[in-house]
Amino acid sequence: MANNDAPASGMPASFALPADCTIRGIADVVANCRLMFSAGKGVSLDCGAVESVDLTFVQFIVSADRTAAARGLPLSFESVPEPVLAAFARAGVAMPAALTSASSRS
């Protein structure tokens, strides 16, 4: 769920991702990120609770990364678990730099 209390100074809105980040469980996260990007805010995604991931999640992360870059907004990640890393490996897709650096801190 979004932390809509993010300061207007451009601080990223923080989202704790749900355990189910498959096509069944990610719709709210996608909608909230769209709202934040449209409002000119960056996004910080806490991946700590993520247990299930599919290609939909990989597509979402790649799209969010491109959107953030195109709008000059920050996109960051915290607590990246193994299921997230494995999903990118299975998909054969390079992880965004912010996701890669967050996974090296875990």
N, C-alpha and C. Protein backbone atom coordinates (compact mmCIF):
# COMPACT_ATOMS: atom_id res chain seq x y z
N MET A 1 0.83 -1.17 0.00
CA MET A 1 0.00 0.00 0.00
C MET A 1 0.88 1.24 0.00
N ALA A 2 0.39 2.28 -0.53
CA ALA A 2 1.17 3.50 -0.68
C ALA A 2 1.24 4.28 0.62
N ASN A 3 2.35 4.94 0.80
CA ASN A 3 2.48 5.91 1.87
C ASN A 3 2.28 7.26 1.22
N ASN A 4 1.04 7.72 1.22
CA ASN A 4 0.72 8.97 0.54
C ASN A 4 1.13 10.18 1.35
N ASP A 5 1.81 9.98 2.47
CA ASP A 5 2.28 11.08 3.30
C ASP A 5 3.65 11.56 2.86
N ALA A 6 4.12 11.13 1.71
CA ALA A 6 5.42 11.56 1.23
C ALA A 6 5.41 13.06 1.04
N PRO A 7 6.45 13.73 1.49
CA PRO A 7 6.50 15.18 1.36
C PRO A 7 6.42 15.62 -0.09
N ALA A 8 5.88 16.79 -0.29
CA ALA A 8 5.73 17.34 -1.64
C ALA A 8 7.07 17.68 -2.27
N SER A 9 8.15 17.59 -1.50
CA SER A 9 9.47 17.97 -2.00
C SER A 9 10.04 16.96 -3.00
N GLY A 10 9.24 15.98 -3.37
CA GLY A 10 9.72 15.01 -4.33
C GLY A 10 10.24 13.74 -3.69
N MET A 11 10.12 13.61 -2.38
CA MET A 11 10.54 12.38 -1.73
C MET A 11 9.70 11.24 -2.28
N PRO A 12 10.32 10.09 -2.52
CA PRO A 12 9.57 8.97 -3.07
C PRO A 12 8.47 8.47 -2.14
N ALA A 13 7.38 8.03 -2.73
CA ALA A 13 6.32 7.37 -1.99
C ALA A 13 6.80 5.94 -1.73
N SER A 14 6.56 5.46 -0.55
CA SER A 14 7.03 4.13 -0.17
C SER A 14 5.90 3.11 -0.27
N PHE A 15 6.20 1.98 -0.90
CA PHE A 15 5.24 0.90 -1.05
C PHE A 15 5.83 -0.38 -0.49
N ALA A 16 5.08 -1.07 0.35
CA ALA A 16 5.46 -2.42 0.77
C ALA A 16 4.75 -3.37 -0.18
N LEU A 17 5.52 -4.12 -0.93
CA LEU A 17 4.93 -5.04 -1.89
C LEU A 17 4.28 -6.21 -1.17
N PRO A 18 3.20 -6.75 -1.72
CA PRO A 18 2.53 -7.90 -1.10
C PRO A 18 3.34 -9.18 -1.30
N ALA A 19 2.99 -10.22 -0.56
CA ALA A 19 3.66 -11.51 -0.71
C ALA A 19 3.45 -12.06 -2.12
N ASP A 20 2.26 -11.85 -2.67
CA ASP A 20 1.92 -12.36 -4.01
C ASP A 20 2.12 -11.25 -5.04
N CYS A 21 3.24 -11.32 -5.73
CA CYS A 21 3.53 -10.36 -6.80
C CYS A 21 3.42 -11.05 -8.15
N THR A 22 2.37 -11.85 -8.28
CA THR A 22 2.07 -12.47 -9.56
C THR A 22 0.95 -11.66 -10.21
N ILE A 23 0.50 -12.11 -11.35
CA ILE A 23 -0.57 -11.40 -12.07
C ILE A 23 -1.81 -11.24 -11.19
N ARG A 24 -2.02 -12.16 -10.24
CA ARG A 24 -3.19 -12.09 -9.35
C ARG A 24 -3.07 -11.01 -8.29
N GLY A 25 -1.84 -10.64 -7.89
CA GLY A 25 -1.69 -9.78 -6.73
C GLY A 25 -1.03 -8.44 -6.91
N ILE A 26 -0.67 -8.08 -8.12
CA ILE A 26 0.13 -6.86 -8.28
C ILE A 26 -0.63 -5.65 -8.82
N ALA A 27 -1.88 -5.82 -9.13
CA ALA A 27 -2.65 -4.73 -9.76
C ALA A 27 -2.66 -3.45 -8.92
N ASP A 28 -2.84 -3.56 -7.61
CA ASP A 28 -2.87 -2.37 -6.75
C ASP A 28 -1.53 -1.65 -6.74
N VAL A 29 -0.45 -2.41 -6.73
CA VAL A 29 0.89 -1.81 -6.73
C VAL A 29 1.12 -1.04 -8.03
N VAL A 30 0.75 -1.64 -9.13
CA VAL A 30 0.89 -0.98 -10.43
C VAL A 30 0.09 0.32 -10.46
N ALA A 31 -1.15 0.26 -10.00
CA ALA A 31 -2.01 1.45 -9.99
C ALA A 31 -1.43 2.55 -9.10
N ASN A 32 -0.94 2.18 -7.92
CA ASN A 32 -0.36 3.17 -7.01
C ASN A 32 0.90 3.80 -7.59
N CYS A 33 1.73 3.00 -8.22
CA CYS A 33 2.95 3.54 -8.84
C CYS A 33 2.60 4.50 -9.97
N ARG A 34 1.62 4.16 -10.77
CA ARG A 34 1.18 5.06 -11.84
C ARG A 34 0.74 6.41 -11.26
N LEU A 35 -0.02 6.35 -10.18
CA LEU A 35 -0.48 7.59 -9.55
C LEU A 35 0.70 8.43 -9.06
N MET A 36 1.65 7.80 -8.43
CA MET A 36 2.80 8.54 -7.90
C MET A 36 3.63 9.14 -9.03
N PHE A 37 3.89 8.36 -10.06
CA PHE A 37 4.66 8.87 -11.20
C PHE A 37 3.90 10.02 -11.87
N SER A 38 2.59 9.89 -12.01
CA SER A 38 1.78 10.96 -12.61
C SER A 38 1.80 12.23 -11.77
N ALA A 39 1.94 12.07 -10.46
CA ALA A 39 2.00 13.22 -9.55
C ALA A 39 3.41 13.79 -9.45
N GLY A 40 4.34 13.21 -10.19
CA GLY A 40 5.71 13.71 -10.17
C GLY A 40 6.52 13.24 -8.98
N LYS A 41 6.11 12.14 -8.36
CA LYS A 41 6.83 11.59 -7.22
C LYS A 41 7.55 10.31 -7.61
N GLY A 42 8.69 10.11 -6.99
CA GLY A 42 9.41 8.86 -7.17
C GLY A 42 8.77 7.78 -6.31
N VAL A 43 9.30 6.57 -6.44
CA VAL A 43 8.74 5.43 -5.74
C VAL A 43 9.86 4.61 -5.11
N SER A 44 9.63 4.17 -3.88
CA SER A 44 10.53 3.25 -3.20
C SER A 44 9.73 1.98 -2.91
N LEU A 45 10.20 0.85 -3.43
CA LEU A 45 9.49 -0.41 -3.28
C LEU A 45 10.21 -1.30 -2.26
N ASP A 46 9.50 -1.67 -1.20
CA ASP A 46 10.02 -2.59 -0.19
C ASP A 46 9.59 -3.99 -0.60
N CYS A 47 10.55 -4.80 -1.01
CA CYS A 47 10.28 -6.14 -1.53
C CYS A 47 10.38 -7.22 -0.45
N GLY A 48 10.58 -6.84 0.80
CA GLY A 48 10.84 -7.78 1.88
C GLY A 48 9.82 -8.88 2.07
N ALA A 49 8.56 -8.63 1.80
CA ALA A 49 7.51 -9.64 2.01
C ALA A 49 7.24 -10.49 0.78
N VAL A 50 7.88 -10.19 -0.33
CA VAL A 50 7.60 -10.89 -1.59
C VAL A 50 7.98 -12.37 -1.49
N GLU A 51 7.00 -13.23 -1.81
CA GLU A 51 7.22 -14.67 -1.82
C GLU A 51 7.00 -15.29 -3.19
N SER A 52 6.00 -14.78 -3.93
CA SER A 52 5.64 -15.32 -5.24
C SER A 52 5.79 -14.25 -6.29
N VAL A 53 6.52 -14.60 -7.36
CA VAL A 53 6.80 -13.65 -8.44
C VAL A 53 6.64 -14.38 -9.77
N ASP A 54 6.11 -13.67 -10.76
CA ASP A 54 6.04 -14.23 -12.11
C ASP A 54 6.50 -13.19 -13.12
N LEU A 55 6.32 -13.50 -14.38
CA LEU A 55 6.77 -12.60 -15.44
C LEU A 55 6.07 -11.24 -15.39
N THR A 56 4.85 -11.20 -14.89
CA THR A 56 4.13 -9.94 -14.75
C THR A 56 4.92 -8.97 -13.87
N PHE A 57 5.49 -9.47 -12.78
CA PHE A 57 6.29 -8.64 -11.88
C PHE A 57 7.53 -8.12 -12.60
N VAL A 58 8.19 -8.98 -13.33
CA VAL A 58 9.39 -8.57 -14.08
C VAL A 58 9.01 -7.46 -15.06
N GLN A 59 7.92 -7.63 -15.78
CA GLN A 59 7.48 -6.62 -16.73
C GLN A 59 7.15 -5.31 -16.02
N PHE A 60 6.50 -5.39 -14.87
CA PHE A 60 6.18 -4.21 -14.10
C PHE A 60 7.44 -3.46 -13.69
N ILE A 61 8.43 -4.17 -13.17
CA ILE A 61 9.66 -3.52 -12.70
C ILE A 61 10.39 -2.86 -13.86
N VAL A 62 10.49 -3.54 -14.99
CA VAL A 62 11.16 -2.96 -16.16
C VAL A 62 10.41 -1.72 -16.63
N SER A 63 9.09 -1.79 -16.67
CA SER A 63 8.29 -0.64 -17.09
C SER A 63 8.41 0.51 -16.11
N ALA A 64 8.35 0.22 -14.80
CA ALA A 64 8.48 1.27 -13.78
C ALA A 64 9.85 1.93 -13.87
N ASP A 65 10.88 1.15 -14.12
CA ASP A 65 12.23 1.69 -14.24
C ASP A 65 12.32 2.64 -15.43
N ARG A 66 11.75 2.25 -16.56
CA ARG A 66 11.77 3.10 -17.76
C ARG A 66 10.94 4.37 -17.55
N THR A 67 9.79 4.23 -16.90
CA THR A 67 8.94 5.39 -16.64
C THR A 67 9.65 6.38 -15.72
N ALA A 68 10.23 5.86 -14.65
CA ALA A 68 10.95 6.73 -13.70
C ALA A 68 12.09 7.46 -14.41
N ALA A 69 12.86 6.74 -15.21
CA ALA A 69 13.98 7.35 -15.91
C ALA A 69 13.51 8.42 -16.89
N ALA A 70 12.44 8.13 -17.63
CA ALA A 70 11.93 9.08 -18.61
C ALA A 70 11.41 10.36 -17.96
N ARG A 71 10.91 10.24 -16.73
CA ARG A 71 10.36 11.39 -16.03
C ARG A 71 11.36 12.03 -15.06
N GLY A 72 12.55 11.46 -14.99
CA GLY A 72 13.56 12.00 -14.09
C GLY A 72 13.21 11.80 -12.62
N LEU A 73 12.51 10.72 -12.32
CA LEU A 73 12.08 10.43 -10.95
C LEU A 73 12.85 9.25 -10.38
N PRO A 74 13.06 9.25 -9.06
CA PRO A 74 13.77 8.12 -8.47
C PRO A 74 12.88 6.88 -8.33
N LEU A 75 13.48 5.73 -8.54
CA LEU A 75 12.86 4.43 -8.27
C LEU A 75 13.89 3.64 -7.49
N SER A 76 13.52 3.23 -6.29
CA SER A 76 14.47 2.48 -5.47
C SER A 76 13.80 1.24 -4.89
N PHE A 77 14.63 0.34 -4.40
CA PHE A 77 14.17 -0.94 -3.87
C PHE A 77 14.84 -1.21 -2.54
N GLU A 78 14.12 -1.89 -1.65
CA GLU A 78 14.66 -2.31 -0.37
C GLU A 78 14.36 -3.80 -0.17
N SER A 79 15.24 -4.48 0.53
CA SER A 79 15.02 -5.86 0.96
C SER A 79 14.61 -6.78 -0.19
N VAL A 80 15.47 -6.92 -1.17
CA VAL A 80 15.15 -7.73 -2.34
C VAL A 80 15.42 -9.21 -2.04
N PRO A 81 14.36 -10.05 -1.99
CA PRO A 81 14.53 -11.47 -1.67
C PRO A 81 14.87 -12.32 -2.89
N GLU A 82 15.25 -13.53 -2.64
CA GLU A 82 15.64 -14.47 -3.69
C GLU A 82 14.56 -14.68 -4.76
N PRO A 83 13.26 -14.77 -4.42
CA PRO A 83 12.27 -14.96 -5.50
C PRO A 83 12.30 -13.87 -6.56
N VAL A 84 12.60 -12.65 -6.17
CA VAL A 84 12.68 -11.55 -7.14
C VAL A 84 13.89 -11.75 -8.06
N LEU A 85 15.03 -12.06 -7.47
CA LEU A 85 16.24 -12.29 -8.26
C LEU A 85 16.05 -13.47 -9.21
N ALA A 86 15.43 -14.53 -8.70
CA ALA A 86 15.21 -15.73 -9.52
C ALA A 86 14.27 -15.46 -10.69
N ALA A 87 13.28 -14.61 -10.49
CA ALA A 87 12.33 -14.28 -11.57
C ALA A 87 13.04 -13.60 -12.73
N PHE A 88 13.94 -12.68 -12.41
CA PHE A 88 14.69 -12.00 -13.48
C PHE A 88 15.61 -13.00 -14.19
N ALA A 89 16.23 -13.88 -13.44
CA ALA A 89 17.11 -14.88 -14.04
C ALA A 89 16.32 -15.81 -14.96
N ARG A 90 15.15 -16.28 -14.50
CA ARG A 90 14.31 -17.18 -15.32
C ARG A 90 13.85 -16.48 -16.59
N ALA A 91 13.53 -15.19 -16.48
CA ALA A 91 13.04 -14.44 -17.64
C ALA A 91 14.16 -14.05 -18.60
N GLY A 92 15.40 -14.14 -18.13
CA GLY A 92 16.53 -13.74 -18.98
C GLY A 92 16.56 -12.24 -19.20
N VAL A 93 16.08 -11.48 -18.21
CA VAL A 93 16.00 -10.03 -18.31
C VAL A 93 16.98 -9.43 -17.31
N ALA A 94 17.72 -8.43 -17.76
CA ALA A 94 18.65 -7.75 -16.86
C ALA A 94 17.87 -6.94 -15.84
N MET A 95 18.29 -7.02 -14.59
CA MET A 95 17.64 -6.24 -13.54
C MET A 95 18.03 -4.77 -13.67
N PRO A 96 17.10 -3.87 -13.38
CA PRO A 96 17.44 -2.45 -13.34
C PRO A 96 18.56 -2.21 -12.34
N ALA A 97 19.36 -1.18 -12.56
CA ALA A 97 20.49 -0.88 -11.70
C ALA A 97 20.08 -0.71 -10.24
N ALA A 98 18.97 -0.03 -9.98
CA ALA A 98 18.52 0.19 -8.60
C ALA A 98 18.18 -1.13 -7.91
N LEU A 99 17.62 -2.07 -8.66
CA LEU A 99 17.28 -3.38 -8.09
C LEU A 99 18.55 -4.17 -7.84
N THR A 100 19.49 -4.09 -8.76
CA THR A 100 20.76 -4.80 -8.60
C THR A 100 21.52 -4.30 -7.36
N SER A 101 21.58 -2.99 -7.19
CA SER A 101 22.32 -2.45 -6.04
C SER A 101 21.60 -2.78 -4.75
N ALA A 102 20.26 -2.80 -4.74
CA ALA A 102 19.52 -3.15 -3.53
C ALA A 102 19.71 -4.61 -3.17
N SER A 103 19.83 -5.48 -4.18
CA SER A 103 20.00 -6.91 -3.90
C SER A 103 21.39 -7.19 -3.36
N SER A 104 22.36 -6.38 -3.71
CA SER A 104 23.73 -6.59 -3.20
C SER A 104 23.87 -6.15 -1.75
N ARG A 105 22.90 -5.32 -1.26
CA ARG A 105 22.92 -4.87 0.12
C ARG A 105 22.20 -5.84 1.04
N SER A 106 21.39 -6.74 0.47
CA SER A 106 20.59 -7.65 1.30
C SER A 106 21.43 -8.71 1.96
